[in-house]
C-alpha atoms as a PDB file:
ATOM      1  CA  MET A   1       9.996 187.258  95.137  1.00  0.00           C
ATOM      2  CA  LEU A   2      11.206 189.631  92.403  1.00  0.00           C
ATOM      3  CA  VAL A   3      14.569 189.445  90.995  1.00  0.00           C
ATOM      4  CA  ARG A   4      15.479 192.585  92.124  1.00  0.00           C
ATOM      5  CA  GLU A   5      14.780 191.780  95.542  1.00  0.00           C
ATOM      6  CA  ILE A   6      16.804 188.577  95.233  1.00  0.00           C
ATOM      7  CA  ARG A   7      19.839 190.221  93.802  1.00  0.00           C
ATOM      8  CA  ASN A   8      19.766 192.567  96.825  1.00  0.00           C
ATOM      9  CA  LEU A   9      20.363 189.435  99.044  1.00  0.00           C
ATOM     10  CA  SER A  10      23.640 188.175 100.125  1.00  0.00           C
ATOM     11  CA  THR A  11      24.616 184.597  98.714  1.00  0.00           C
ATOM     12  CA  ALA A  12      24.015 182.948 101.914  1.00  0.00           C
ATOM     13  CA  ASP A  13      20.680 184.309 102.289  1.00  0.00           C
ATOM     14  CA  ILE A  14      19.617 183.350  98.758  1.00  0.00           C
ATOM     15  CA  ARG A  15      20.856 179.873  99.511  1.00  0.00           C
ATOM     16  CA  LYS A  16      18.595 179.840 102.633  1.00  0.00           C
ATOM     17  CA  SER A  17      15.759 181.173 100.680  1.00  0.00           C
ATOM     18  CA  LEU A  18      16.215 178.365  98.021  1.00  0.00           C
ATOM     19  CA  GLU A  19      16.235 175.786 100.762  1.00  0.00           C
ATOM     20  CA  ASP A  20      13.021 177.277 102.438  1.00  0.00           C
ATOM     21  CA  ALA A  21      11.415 177.333  98.894  1.00  0.00           C
ATOM     22  CA  ARG A  22      12.234 173.579  98.064  1.00  0.00           C
ATOM     23  CA  GLU A  23      10.823 172.685 101.439  1.00  0.00           C
ATOM     24  CA  GLU A  24       7.647 174.602 100.699  1.00  0.00           C
ATOM     25  CA  ALA A  25       7.362 173.005  97.301  1.00  0.00           C
ATOM     26  CA  PHE A  26       7.735 169.565  98.813  1.00  0.00           C
ATOM     27  CA  ASN A  27       4.859 170.371 101.094  1.00  0.00           C
ATOM     28  CA  LEU A  28       2.762 171.565  98.455  1.00  0.00           C
ATOM     29  CA  ARG A  29       3.050 168.413  96.378  1.00  0.00           C
ATOM     30  CA  PHE A  30       2.259 166.428  99.497  1.00  0.00           C
ATOM     31  CA  ARG A  31      -0.564 168.629 100.373  1.00  0.00           C
ATOM     32  CA  ARG A  32      -2.020 168.183  96.738  1.00  0.00           C
ATOM     33  CA  ALA A  33      -1.315 164.633  96.391  1.00  0.00           C
ATOM     34  CA  SER A  34      -3.848 164.285 100.009  1.00  0.00           C
ATOM     35  CA  GLY A  35      -6.426 166.384  98.389  1.00  0.00           C
ATOM     36  CA  GLN A  36      -5.590 169.230 100.959  1.00  0.00           C
ATOM     37  CA  LEU A  37      -4.288 171.913  98.470  1.00  0.00           C
ATOM     38  CA  GLU A  38      -7.049 174.475  97.564  1.00  0.00           C
ATOM     39  CA  ASP A  39      -4.711 176.906  95.459  1.00  0.00           C
ATOM     40  CA  TYR A  40      -2.917 175.214  92.585  1.00  0.00           C
ATOM     41  CA  THR A  41      -1.294 178.347  91.625  1.00  0.00           C
ATOM     42  CA  GLN A  42       0.976 178.171  94.865  1.00  0.00           C
ATOM     43  CA  ILE A  43       3.105 175.217  93.227  1.00  0.00           C
ATOM     44  CA  ARG A  44       3.544 177.432  90.127  1.00  0.00           C
ATOM     45  CA  ARG A  45       4.879 180.563  92.069  1.00  0.00           C
ATOM     46  CA  THR A  46       7.121 178.363  94.112  1.00  0.00           C
ATOM     47  CA  ARG A  47       8.474 176.944  91.155  1.00  0.00           C
ATOM     48  CA  ARG A  48       9.257 180.033  89.612  1.00  0.00           C
ATOM     49  CA  SER A  49      10.538 181.462  93.056  1.00  0.00           C
ATOM     50  CA  ILE A  50      13.061 178.246  92.842  1.00  0.00           C
ATOM     51  CA  SER A  51      13.730 179.183  89.472  1.00  0.00           C
ATOM     52  CA  ARG A  52      14.760 183.014  90.082  1.00  0.00           C
ATOM     53  CA  LEU A  53      16.863 181.939  92.696  1.00  0.00           C
ATOM     54  CA  LEU A  54      18.943 179.397  91.159  1.00  0.00           C
ATOM     55  CA  THR A  55      19.224 181.864  88.039  1.00  0.00           C
ATOM     56  CA  VAL A  56      20.764 184.579  90.577  1.00  0.00           C
ATOM     57  CA  LEU A  57      23.096 182.075  92.077  1.00  0.00           C
ATOM     58  CA  ARG A  58      24.457 180.965  88.666  1.00  0.00           C
ATOM     59  CA  GLU A  59      24.824 184.691  87.567  1.00  0.00           C
ATOM     60  CA  ARG A  60      27.197 185.140  90.440  1.00  0.00           C
ATOM     61  CA  GLU A  61      29.119 181.913  90.006  1.00  0.00           C
ATOM     62  CA  ILE A  62      29.718 183.137  86.393  1.00  0.00           C
ATOM     63  CA  ALA A  63      30.584 186.489  87.418  1.00  0.00           C
ATOM     64  CA  GLU A  64      33.066 185.205  90.122  1.00  0.00           C
ATOM     65  CA  TRP A  65      34.563 183.109  87.570  1.00  0.00           C
ATOM     66  CA  ILE A  66      34.832 185.498  84.889  1.00  0.00           C
ATOM     67  CA  GLY A  67      36.663 187.864  87.514  1.00  0.00           C
ATOM     68  CA  GLY A  68      38.893 185.134  88.189  1.00  0.00           C
ATOM     69  CA  GLU A  69      39.982 184.637  84.641  1.00  0.00           C
ATOM     70  CA  GLU A  70      40.472 188.643  84.371  1.00  0.00           C
ATOM     71  CA  GLY A  71      43.044 188.244  87.488  1.00  0.00           C
ATOM     72  CA  ARG A  72      44.836 185.258  85.701  1.00  0.00           C
ATOM     73  CA  LYS A  73      45.360 187.017  82.547  1.00  0.00           C
ATOM     74  CA  ALA A  74      47.037 190.100  84.037  1.00  0.00           C
END
């Protein structure tokens, strides 16, 4: 999933995607350990997807916090 696609999602949708991606990462690690995983690049793609999701969530948290600070100063 691309960053611009993630930014178009609601926060709830991002959290759901994050949960799904973490579950997928667990399943991929399990399949790798049991020798059933053929395409090891899936693990890297999933990890990067998790990172992108977390980054956008953090950006939103910071933007919300900054917005709250602006309101308190006024």
